Full PDB file with SEQRES, HELIX, SHEET, SSBOND, CRYST1, ORIGX, SCALE, CONECT and MASTER records, all heavy atoms in Angstrom:
SEQRES   1 A   36  GLY ARG PHE THR ILE SER ARG ASP ASN VAL LYS ASN THR          
SEQRES   2 A   36  VAL TYR LEU GLN MET ASN SER LEU LYS PRO GLU ASP THR          
SEQRES   3 A   36  ALA VAL TYR TYR CYS TYR ALA GLN ILE LEU                      
HELIX    1 AA1 PRO A   23  ASP A   25  5                                   3    
SHEET    1 AA1 2 PHE A   3  ASP A   8  0                                        
SHEET    2 AA1 2 THR A  13  MET A  18 -1                                        
CRYST1    1.000    1.000    1.000  90.00  90.00  90.00 P 1           1          
ORIGX1      1.000000  0.000000  0.000000        0.00000                         
ORIGX2      0.000000  1.000000  0.000000        0.00000                         
ORIGX3      0.000000  0.000000  1.000000        0.00000                         
SCALE1      1.000000  0.000000  0.000000        0.00000                         
SCALE2      0.000000  1.000000  0.000000        0.00000                         
SCALE3      0.000000  0.000000  1.000000        0.00000                         
ATOM      1  N   GLY A   1      98.797  91.029 113.722  1.00  0.00           N  
ATOM      2  CA  GLY A   1      98.326  92.141 114.526  1.00  0.00           C  
ATOM      3  C   GLY A   1      98.187  93.432 113.768  1.00  0.00           C  
ATOM      4  O   GLY A   1      97.589  94.385 114.284  1.00  0.00           O  
ATOM      5  N   ARG A   2      98.718  93.500 112.562  1.00  0.00           N  
ATOM      6  CA  ARG A   2      98.642  94.709 111.746  1.00  0.00           C  
ATOM      7  C   ARG A   2      97.828  94.508 110.480  1.00  0.00           C  
ATOM      8  O   ARG A   2      97.130  95.435 110.049  1.00  0.00           O  
ATOM      9  CB  ARG A   2     100.041  95.204 111.373  1.00  0.00           C  
ATOM     10  CG  ARG A   2     100.916  95.530 112.567  1.00  0.00           C  
ATOM     11  CD  ARG A   2     102.218  96.206 112.144  1.00  0.00           C  
ATOM     12  NE  ARG A   2     103.043  95.320 111.307  1.00  0.00           N  
ATOM     13  CZ  ARG A   2     103.399  95.579 110.049  1.00  0.00           C  
ATOM     14  NH1 ARG A   2     102.994  96.721 109.464  1.00  0.00           N  
ATOM     15  NH2 ARG A   2     104.149  94.742 109.366  1.00  0.00           N  
ATOM     16  N   PHE A   3      97.949  93.342 109.871  1.00  0.00           N  
ATOM     17  CA  PHE A   3      97.257  93.049 108.629  1.00  0.00           C  
ATOM     18  C   PHE A   3      96.090  92.083 108.888  1.00  0.00           C  
ATOM     19  O   PHE A   3      96.187  91.214 109.758  1.00  0.00           O  
ATOM     20  CB  PHE A   3      98.188  92.385 107.601  1.00  0.00           C  
ATOM     21  CG  PHE A   3      99.258  93.269 107.034  1.00  0.00           C  
ATOM     22  CD1 PHE A   3      99.530  94.506 107.563  1.00  0.00           C  
ATOM     23  CD2 PHE A   3     100.006  92.823 105.953  1.00  0.00           C  
ATOM     24  CE1 PHE A   3     100.532  95.308 107.026  1.00  0.00           C  
ATOM     25  CE2 PHE A   3     101.001  93.608 105.409  1.00  0.00           C  
ATOM     26  CZ  PHE A   3     101.276  94.858 105.947  1.00  0.00           C  
ATOM     27  N   THR A   4      95.026  92.246 108.128  1.00  0.00           N  
ATOM     28  CA  THR A   4      93.893  91.339 108.190  1.00  0.00           C  
ATOM     29  C   THR A   4      93.491  90.941 106.779  1.00  0.00           C  
ATOM     30  O   THR A   4      93.213  91.813 105.950  1.00  0.00           O  
ATOM     31  CB  THR A   4      92.702  91.978 108.905  1.00  0.00           C  
ATOM     32  OG1 THR A   4      93.076  92.378 110.229  1.00  0.00           O  
ATOM     33  CG2 THR A   4      91.549  90.986 109.009  1.00  0.00           C  
ATOM     34  N   ILE A   5      93.446  89.641 106.530  1.00  0.00           N  
ATOM     35  CA  ILE A   5      92.984  89.156 105.240  1.00  0.00           C  
ATOM     36  C   ILE A   5      91.533  88.734 105.384  1.00  0.00           C  
ATOM     37  O   ILE A   5      91.117  88.182 106.410  1.00  0.00           O  
ATOM     38  CB  ILE A   5      93.869  87.988 104.745  1.00  0.00           C  
ATOM     39  CG1 ILE A   5      93.516  87.623 103.300  1.00  0.00           C  
ATOM     40  CG2 ILE A   5      93.787  86.779 105.663  1.00  0.00           C  
ATOM     41  CD1 ILE A   5      94.505  86.647 102.660  1.00  0.00           C  
ATOM     42  N   SER A   6      90.749  89.017 104.369  1.00  0.00           N  
ATOM     43  CA  SER A   6      89.353  88.627 104.365  1.00  0.00           C  
ATOM     44  C   SER A   6      88.955  88.263 102.943  1.00  0.00           C  
ATOM     45  O   SER A   6      89.716  88.487 101.992  1.00  0.00           O  
ATOM     46  CB  SER A   6      88.452  89.738 104.929  1.00  0.00           C  
ATOM     47  OG  SER A   6      88.561  90.916 104.158  1.00  0.00           O  
ATOM     48  N   ARG A   7      87.766  87.720 102.828  1.00  0.00           N  
ATOM     49  CA  ARG A   7      87.373  87.148 101.534  1.00  0.00           C  
ATOM     50  C   ARG A   7      85.863  87.224 101.378  1.00  0.00           C  
ATOM     51  O   ARG A   7      85.118  86.964 102.332  1.00  0.00           O  
ATOM     52  CB  ARG A   7      87.876  85.710 101.465  1.00  0.00           C  
ATOM     53  CG  ARG A   7      87.482  84.901 100.266  1.00  0.00           C  
ATOM     54  CD  ARG A   7      88.217  83.580 100.300  1.00  0.00           C  
ATOM     55  NE  ARG A   7      87.780  82.679  99.259  1.00  0.00           N  
ATOM     56  CZ  ARG A   7      88.351  81.542  98.926  1.00  0.00           C  
ATOM     57  NH1 ARG A   7      89.441  81.145  99.603  1.00  0.00           N  
ATOM     58  NH2 ARG A   7      87.869  80.781  97.958  1.00  0.00           N  
ATOM     59  N   ASP A   8      85.430  87.550 100.187  1.00  0.00           N  
ATOM     60  CA  ASP A   8      84.031  87.529  99.819  1.00  0.00           C  
ATOM     61  C   ASP A   8      83.873  86.465  98.749  1.00  0.00           C  
ATOM     62  O   ASP A   8      84.274  86.670  97.602  1.00  0.00           O  
ATOM     63  CB  ASP A   8      83.562  88.891  99.297  1.00  0.00           C  
ATOM     64  CG  ASP A   8      82.081  88.953  99.031  1.00  0.00           C  
ATOM     65  OD1 ASP A   8      81.484  87.923  98.662  1.00  0.00           O  
ATOM     66  OD2 ASP A   8      81.504  90.045  99.164  1.00  0.00           O  
ATOM     67  N   ASN A   9      83.333  85.317  99.114  1.00  0.00           N  
ATOM     68  CA  ASN A   9      83.251  84.201  98.182  1.00  0.00           C  
ATOM     69  C   ASN A   9      82.241  84.449  97.054  1.00  0.00           C  
ATOM     70  O   ASN A   9      82.382  83.885  95.965  1.00  0.00           O  
ATOM     71  CB  ASN A   9      82.901  82.916  98.938  1.00  0.00           C  
ATOM     72  CG  ASN A   9      84.017  82.434  99.819  1.00  0.00           C  
ATOM     73  OD1 ASN A   9      85.196  82.619  99.504  1.00  0.00           O  
ATOM     74  ND2 ASN A   9      83.663  81.805 100.929  1.00  0.00           N  
ATOM     75  N   VAL A  10      81.235  85.273  97.320  1.00  0.00           N  
ATOM     76  CA  VAL A  10      80.271  85.596  96.283  1.00  0.00           C  
ATOM     77  C   VAL A  10      80.921  86.436  95.203  1.00  0.00           C  
ATOM     78  O   VAL A  10      80.699  86.215  93.999  1.00  0.00           O  
ATOM     79  CB  VAL A  10      79.045  86.302  96.880  1.00  0.00           C  
ATOM     80  CG1 VAL A  10      78.086  86.747  95.785  1.00  0.00           C  
ATOM     81  CG2 VAL A  10      78.325  85.391  97.861  1.00  0.00           C  
ATOM     82  N   LYS A  11      81.716  87.409  95.616  1.00  0.00           N  
ATOM     83  CA  LYS A  11      82.390  88.290  94.676  1.00  0.00           C  
ATOM     84  C   LYS A  11      83.706  87.712  94.148  1.00  0.00           C  
ATOM     85  O   LYS A  11      84.324  88.322  93.264  1.00  0.00           O  
ATOM     86  CB  LYS A  11      82.681  89.639  95.309  1.00  0.00           C  
ATOM     87  CG  LYS A  11      81.454  90.436  95.676  1.00  0.00           C  
ATOM     88  CD  LYS A  11      81.833  91.788  96.265  1.00  0.00           C  
ATOM     89  CE  LYS A  11      80.620  92.619  96.606  1.00  0.00           C  
ATOM     90  NZ  LYS A  11      81.010  93.925  97.188  1.00  0.00           N  
ATOM     91  N   ASN A  12      84.146  86.578  94.685  1.00  0.00           N  
ATOM     92  CA  ASN A  12      85.439  86.009  94.301  1.00  0.00           C  
ATOM     93  C   ASN A  12      86.567  87.019  94.516  1.00  0.00           C  
ATOM     94  O   ASN A  12      87.463  87.156  93.695  1.00  0.00           O  
ATOM     95  CB  ASN A  12      85.434  85.553  92.842  1.00  0.00           C  
ATOM     96  CG  ASN A  12      85.355  84.030  92.702  1.00  0.00           C  
ATOM     97  OD1 ASN A  12      85.053  83.320  93.649  1.00  0.00           O  
ATOM     98  ND2 ASN A  12      85.618  83.549  91.491  1.00  0.00           N  
ATOM     99  N   THR A  13      86.521  87.690  95.661  1.00  0.00           N  
ATOM    100  CA  THR A  13      87.446  88.756  95.948  1.00  0.00           C  
ATOM    101  C   THR A  13      88.123  88.542  97.293  1.00  0.00           C  
ATOM    102  O   THR A  13      87.469  88.141  98.260  1.00  0.00           O  
ATOM    103  CB  THR A  13      86.733  90.122  95.944  1.00  0.00           C  
ATOM    104  OG1 THR A  13      86.163  90.344  94.649  1.00  0.00           O  
ATOM    105  CG2 THR A  13      87.680  91.259  96.270  1.00  0.00           C  
ATOM    106  N   VAL A  14      89.404  88.818  97.350  1.00  0.00           N  
ATOM    107  CA  VAL A  14      90.164  88.773  98.584  1.00  0.00           C  
ATOM    108  C   VAL A  14      90.672  90.168  98.891  1.00  0.00           C  
ATOM    109  O   VAL A  14      91.000  90.939  97.967  1.00  0.00           O  
ATOM    110  CB  VAL A  14      91.334  87.750  98.506  1.00  0.00           C  
ATOM    111  CG1 VAL A  14      92.354  88.154  97.461  1.00  0.00           C  
ATOM    112  CG2 VAL A  14      91.977  87.549  99.856  1.00  0.00           C  
ATOM    113  N   TYR A  15      90.738  90.495 100.178  1.00  0.00           N  
ATOM    114  CA  TYR A  15      91.168  91.806 100.624  1.00  0.00           C  
ATOM    115  C   TYR A  15      92.338  91.662 101.595  1.00  0.00           C  
ATOM    116  O   TYR A  15      92.455  90.655 102.299  1.00  0.00           O  
ATOM    117  CB  TYR A  15      90.036  92.556 101.335  1.00  0.00           C  
ATOM    118  CG  TYR A  15      88.763  92.637 100.536  1.00  0.00           C  
ATOM    119  CD1 TYR A  15      87.767  91.697 100.685  1.00  0.00           C  
ATOM    120  CD2 TYR A  15      88.568  93.675  99.620  1.00  0.00           C  
ATOM    121  CE1 TYR A  15      86.597  91.769  99.948  1.00  0.00           C  
ATOM    122  CE2 TYR A  15      87.396  93.762  98.886  1.00  0.00           C  
ATOM    123  CZ  TYR A  15      86.422  92.799  99.047  1.00  0.00           C  
ATOM    124  OH  TYR A  15      85.254  92.880  98.307  1.00  0.00           O  
ATOM    125  N   LEU A  16      93.154  92.669 101.651  1.00  0.00           N  
ATOM    126  CA  LEU A  16      94.194  92.750 102.660  1.00  0.00           C  
ATOM    127  C   LEU A  16      94.170  94.142 103.271  1.00  0.00           C  
ATOM    128  O   LEU A  16      94.561  95.111 102.630  1.00  0.00           O  
ATOM    129  CB  LEU A  16      95.572  92.465 102.051  1.00  0.00           C  
ATOM    130  CG  LEU A  16      96.712  92.327 103.063  1.00  0.00           C  
ATOM    131  CD1 LEU A  16      96.524  91.087 103.936  1.00  0.00           C  
ATOM    132  CD2 LEU A  16      98.061  92.276 102.356  1.00  0.00           C  
ATOM    133  N   GLN A  17      93.658  94.215 104.507  1.00  0.00           N  
ATOM    134  CA  GLN A  17      93.659  95.458 105.249  1.00  0.00           C  
ATOM    135  C   GLN A  17      94.994  95.583 105.955  1.00  0.00           C  
ATOM    136  O   GLN A  17      95.360  94.725 106.778  1.00  0.00           O  
ATOM    137  CB  GLN A  17      92.512  95.482 106.259  1.00  0.00           C  
ATOM    138  CG  GLN A  17      92.457  96.727 107.123  1.00  0.00           C  
ATOM    139  CD  GLN A  17      92.133  97.978 106.331  1.00  0.00           C  
ATOM    140  OE1 GLN A  17      91.208  97.955 105.509  1.00  0.00           O  
ATOM    141  NE2 GLN A  17      92.887  99.049 106.545  1.00  0.00           N  
ATOM    142  N   MET A  18      95.720  96.633 105.656  1.00  0.00           N  
ATOM    143  CA  MET A  18      97.059  96.832 106.192  1.00  0.00           C  
ATOM    144  C   MET A  18      97.054  98.092 107.057  1.00  0.00           C  
ATOM    145  O   MET A  18      96.867  99.195 106.551  1.00  0.00           O  
ATOM    146  CB  MET A  18      98.090  96.953 105.071  1.00  0.00           C  
ATOM    147  CG  MET A  18      98.082  95.763 104.103  1.00  0.00           C  
ATOM    148  SD  MET A  18      99.390  95.865 102.861  1.00  0.00           S  
ATOM    149  CE  MET A  18      98.866  97.299 101.948  1.00  0.00           C  
ATOM    150  N   ASN A  19      97.269  97.903 108.342  1.00  0.00           N  
ATOM    151  CA  ASN A  19      97.316  98.990 109.306  1.00  0.00           C  
ATOM    152  C   ASN A  19      98.713  99.113 109.886  1.00  0.00           C  
ATOM    153  O   ASN A  19      99.525  98.192 109.805  1.00  0.00           O  
ATOM    154  CB  ASN A  19      96.299  98.784 110.418  1.00  0.00           C  
ATOM    155  CG  ASN A  19      94.874  98.726 109.924  1.00  0.00           C  
ATOM    156  OD1 ASN A  19      94.504  99.412 108.973  1.00  0.00           O  
ATOM    157  ND2 ASN A  19      94.054  97.916 110.593  1.00  0.00           N  
ATOM    158  N   SER A  20      98.972 100.249 110.506  1.00  0.00           N  
ATOM    159  CA  SER A  20     100.267 100.490 111.149  1.00  0.00           C  
ATOM    160  C   SER A  20     101.429 100.145 110.225  1.00  0.00           C  
ATOM    161  O   SER A  20     102.375  99.462 110.598  1.00  0.00           O  
ATOM    162  CB  SER A  20     100.361  99.696 112.457  1.00  0.00           C  
ATOM    163  OG  SER A  20      99.322 100.032 113.338  1.00  0.00           O  
ATOM    164  N   LEU A  21     101.353 100.639 109.015  1.00  0.00           N  
ATOM    165  CA  LEU A  21     102.336 100.277 108.009  1.00  0.00           C  
ATOM    166  C   LEU A  21     103.722 100.795 108.360  1.00  0.00           C  
ATOM    167  O   LEU A  21     103.868 101.892 108.925  1.00  0.00           O  
ATOM    168  CB  LEU A  21     101.901 100.794 106.647  1.00  0.00           C  
ATOM    169  CG  LEU A  21     100.818  99.964 105.974  1.00  0.00           C  
ATOM    170  CD1 LEU A  21     100.126 100.762 104.867  1.00  0.00           C  
ATOM    171  CD2 LEU A  21     101.420  98.676 105.412  1.00  0.00           C  
ATOM    172  N   LYS A  22     104.708  99.993 108.020  1.00  0.00           N  
ATOM    173  CA  LYS A  22     106.108 100.292 108.269  1.00  0.00           C  
ATOM    174  C   LYS A  22     106.860 100.371 106.957  1.00  0.00           C  
ATOM    175  O   LYS A  22     106.461  99.782 105.969  1.00  0.00           O  
ATOM    176  CB  LYS A  22     106.731  99.194 109.140  1.00  0.00           C  
ATOM    177  CG  LYS A  22     106.030  98.942 110.461  1.00  0.00           C  
ATOM    178  CD  LYS A  22     106.657  97.756 111.194  1.00  0.00           C  
ATOM    179  CE  LYS A  22     105.967  97.482 112.511  1.00  0.00           C  
ATOM    180  NZ  LYS A  22     106.569  96.321 113.199  1.00  0.00           N  
ATOM    181  N   PRO A  23     107.986 101.082 106.941  1.00  0.00           N  
ATOM    182  CA  PRO A  23     108.760 101.146 105.695  1.00  0.00           C  
ATOM    183  C   PRO A  23     109.146  99.776 105.162  1.00  0.00           C  
ATOM    184  O   PRO A  23     109.206  99.600 103.932  1.00  0.00           O  
ATOM    185  CB  PRO A  23     109.999 101.956 106.100  1.00  0.00           C  
ATOM    186  CG  PRO A  23     109.513 102.841 107.179  1.00  0.00           C  
ATOM    187  CD  PRO A  23     108.516 102.018 107.957  1.00  0.00           C  
ATOM    188  N   GLU A  24     109.375  98.809 106.036  1.00  0.00           N  
ATOM    189  CA  GLU A  24     109.743  97.479 105.584  1.00  0.00           C  
ATOM    190  C   GLU A  24     108.591  96.727 104.923  1.00  0.00           C  
ATOM    191  O   GLU A  24     108.801  95.650 104.367  1.00  0.00           O  
ATOM    192  CB  GLU A  24     110.316  96.642 106.741  1.00  0.00           C  
ATOM    193  CG  GLU A  24     109.484  96.672 107.988  1.00  0.00           C  
ATOM    194  CD  GLU A  24     109.994  97.677 109.013  1.00  0.00           C  
ATOM    195  OE1 GLU A  24     110.266  98.828 108.635  1.00  0.00           O  
ATOM    196  OE2 GLU A  24     110.112  97.306 110.204  1.00  0.00           O  
ATOM    197  N   ASP A  25     107.375  97.281 104.989  1.00  0.00           N  
ATOM    198  CA  ASP A  25     106.256  96.712 104.246  1.00  0.00           C  
ATOM    199  C   ASP A  25     106.273  97.113 102.780  1.00  0.00           C  
ATOM    200  O   ASP A  25     105.473  96.602 101.990  1.00  0.00           O  
ATOM    201  CB  ASP A  25     104.927  97.139 104.866  1.00  0.00           C  
ATOM    202  CG  ASP A  25     104.735  96.617 106.273  1.00  0.00           C  
ATOM    203  OD1 ASP A  25     105.062  95.439 106.527  1.00  0.00           O  
ATOM    204  OD2 ASP A  25     104.249  97.392 107.129  1.00  0.00           O  
ATOM    205  N   THR A  26     107.148  98.021 102.406  1.00  0.00           N  
ATOM    206  CA  THR A  26     107.241  98.461 101.017  1.00  0.00           C  
ATOM    207  C   THR A  26     107.580  97.282 100.124  1.00  0.00           C  
ATOM    208  O   THR A  26     108.582  96.592 100.326  1.00  0.00           O  
ATOM    209  CB  THR A  26     108.293  99.569 100.876  1.00  0.00           C  
ATOM    210  OG1 THR A  26     107.882 100.714 101.625  1.00  0.00           O  
ATOM    211  CG2 THR A  26     108.473  99.960  99.423  1.00  0.00           C  
ATOM    212  N   ALA A  27     106.770  97.067  99.118  1.00  0.00           N  
ATOM    213  CA  ALA A  27     106.940  95.932  98.219  1.00  0.00           C  
ATOM    214  C   ALA A  27     105.885  95.998  97.138  1.00  0.00           C  
ATOM    215  O   ALA A  27     104.922  96.772  97.218  1.00  0.00           O  
ATOM    216  CB  ALA A  27     106.830  94.610  98.974  1.00  0.00           C  
ATOM    217  N   VAL A  28     106.051  95.167  96.132  1.00  0.00           N  
ATOM    218  CA  VAL A  28     104.978  94.865  95.216  1.00  0.00           C  
ATOM    219  C   VAL A  28     104.209  93.691  95.788  1.00  0.00           C  
ATOM    220  O   VAL A  28     104.781  92.664  96.112  1.00  0.00           O  
ATOM    221  CB  VAL A  28     105.491  94.526  93.801  1.00  0.00           C  
ATOM    222  CG1 VAL A  28     104.326  94.175  92.887  1.00  0.00           C  
ATOM    223  CG2 VAL A  28     106.275  95.708  93.226  1.00  0.00           C  
ATOM    224  N   TYR A  29     102.905  93.867  95.915  1.00  0.00           N  
ATOM    225  CA  TYR A  29     102.041  92.844  96.489  1.00  0.00           C  
ATOM    226  C   TYR A  29     101.297  92.120  95.370  1.00  0.00           C  
ATOM    227  O   TYR A  29     100.683  92.758  94.513  1.00  0.00           O  
ATOM    228  CB  TYR A  29     101.049  93.464  97.466  1.00  0.00           C  
ATOM    229  CG  TYR A  29     101.679  93.838  98.795  1.00  0.00           C  
ATOM    230  CD1 TYR A  29     102.570  94.898  98.859  1.00  0.00           C  
ATOM    231  CD2 TYR A  29     101.397  93.124  99.942  1.00  0.00           C  
ATOM    232  CE1 TYR A  29     103.171  95.230 100.072  1.00  0.00           C  
ATOM    233  CE2 TYR A  29     101.991  93.458 101.153  1.00  0.00           C  
ATOM    234  CZ  TYR A  29     102.874  94.515 101.201  1.00  0.00           C  
ATOM    235  OH  TYR A  29     103.476  94.835 102.412  1.00  0.00           O  
ATOM    236  N   TYR A  30     101.370  90.812  95.389  1.00  0.00           N  
ATOM    237  CA  TYR A  30     100.747  89.961  94.377  1.00  0.00           C  
ATOM    238  C   TYR A  30      99.697  89.078  95.036  1.00  0.00           C  
ATOM    239  O   TYR A  30      99.997  88.373  95.994  1.00  0.00           O  
ATOM    240  CB  TYR A  30     101.774  89.066  93.700  1.00  0.00           C  
ATOM    241  CG  TYR A  30     102.869  89.794  92.965  1.00  0.00           C  
ATOM    242  CD1 TYR A  30     104.049  90.162  93.597  1.00  0.00           C  
ATOM    243  CD2 TYR A  30     102.742  90.106  91.615  1.00  0.00           C  
ATOM    244  CE1 TYR A  30     105.062  90.809  92.941  1.00  0.00           C  
ATOM    245  CE2 TYR A  30     103.748  90.756  90.927  1.00  0.00           C  
ATOM    246  CZ  TYR A  30     104.906  91.112  91.601  1.00  0.00           C  
ATOM    247  OH  TYR A  30     105.901  91.761  90.929  1.00  0.00           O  
ATOM    248  N   CYS A  31      98.499  89.094  94.520  1.00  0.00           N  
ATOM    249  CA  CYS A  31      97.501  88.170  95.019  1.00  0.00           C  
ATOM    250  C   CYS A  31      97.530  86.890  94.181  1.00  0.00           C  
ATOM    251  O   CYS A  31      98.018  86.881  93.051  1.00  0.00           O  
ATOM    252  CB  CYS A  31      96.090  88.792  95.009  1.00  0.00           C  
ATOM    253  SG  CYS A  31      95.394  89.082  93.357  1.00  0.00           S  
ATOM    254  N   TYR A  32      97.011  85.835  94.758  1.00  0.00           N  
ATOM    255  CA  TYR A  32      96.896  84.576  94.031  1.00  0.00           C  
ATOM    256  C   TYR A  32      95.616  83.871  94.464  1.00  0.00           C  
ATOM    257  O   TYR A  32      95.066  84.123  95.528  1.00  0.00           O  
ATOM    258  CB  TYR A  32      98.116  83.684  94.254  1.00  0.00           C  
ATOM    259  CG  TYR A  32      98.151  82.976  95.587  1.00  0.00           C  
ATOM    260  CD1 TYR A  32      97.659  81.660  95.707  1.00  0.00           C  
ATOM    261  CD2 TYR A  32      98.660  83.600  96.711  1.00  0.00           C  
ATOM    262  CE1 TYR A  32      97.694  81.026  96.934  1.00  0.00           C  
ATOM    263  CE2 TYR A  32      98.692  82.948  97.927  1.00  0.00           C  
ATOM    264  CZ  TYR A  32      98.199  81.659  98.037  1.00  0.00           C  
ATOM    265  OH  TYR A  32      98.234  81.011  99.255  1.00  0.00           O  
ATOM    266  N   ALA A  33      95.184  82.983  93.595  1.00  0.00           N  
ATOM    267  CA  ALA A  33      94.023  82.133  93.869  1.00  0.00           C  
ATOM    268  C   ALA A  33      94.364  80.712  93.478  1.00  0.00           C  
ATOM    269  O   ALA A  33      94.809  80.480  92.343  1.00  0.00           O  
ATOM    270  CB  ALA A  33      92.797  82.627  93.096  1.00  0.00           C  
ATOM    271  N   GLN A  34      94.157  79.799  94.390  1.00  0.00           N  
ATOM    272  CA  GLN A  34      94.503  78.402  94.186  1.00  0.00           C  
ATOM    273  C   GLN A  34      93.250  77.574  94.034  1.00  0.00           C  
ATOM    274  O   GLN A  34      92.357  77.640  94.882  1.00  0.00           O  
ATOM    275  CB  GLN A  34      95.341  77.886  95.356  1.00  0.00           C  
ATOM    276  CG  GLN A  34      95.734  76.426  95.235  1.00  0.00           C  
ATOM    277  CD  GLN A  34      96.382  75.908  96.505  1.00  0.00           C  
ATOM    278  OE1 GLN A  34      96.109  76.383  97.594  1.00  0.00           O  
ATOM    279  NE2 GLN A  34      97.256  74.917  96.355  1.00  0.00           N  
ATOM    280  N   ILE A  35      93.197  76.800  92.967  1.00  0.00           N  
ATOM    281  CA  ILE A  35      92.168  75.791  92.817  1.00  0.00           C  
ATOM    282  C   ILE A  35      92.806  74.417  92.922  1.00  0.00           C  
ATOM    283  O   ILE A  35      94.018  74.264  92.700  1.00  0.00           O  
ATOM    284  CB  ILE A  35      91.370  75.946  91.504  1.00  0.00           C  
ATOM    285  CG1 ILE A  35      92.305  75.736  90.285  1.00  0.00           C  
ATOM    286  CG2 ILE A  35      90.685  77.288  91.451  1.00  0.00           C  
ATOM    287  CD1 ILE A  35      91.556  75.696  88.974  1.00  0.00           C  
ATOM    288  N   LEU A  36      91.989  73.441  93.296  1.00  0.00           N  
ATOM    289  CA  LEU A  36      92.516  72.084  93.515  1.00  0.00           C  
ATOM    290  C   LEU A  36      92.171  71.137  92.382  1.00  0.00           C  
ATOM    291  O   LEU A  36      92.842  70.133  92.205  1.00  0.00           O  
ATOM    292  CB  LEU A  36      91.976  71.539  94.816  1.00  0.00           C  
ATOM    293  CG  LEU A  36      92.383  72.301  96.090  1.00  0.00           C  
ATOM    294  CD1 LEU A  36      91.775  71.627  97.312  1.00  0.00           C  
ATOM    295  CD2 LEU A  36      93.891  72.360  96.219  1.00  0.00           C  
TER     296      LEU A  36                                                      
MASTER        0    0    0    1    2    0    0    6  295    1    0    3          
END                                                                             
């Protein structure tokens, strides 16, 4: 309800829209990409 993940496959880019942020969201955020 606060965060939304989205992806642009053409750009090979992932996004994380973070709204209504709380102090407990404080962290280092790491993205990853998985291939099979």
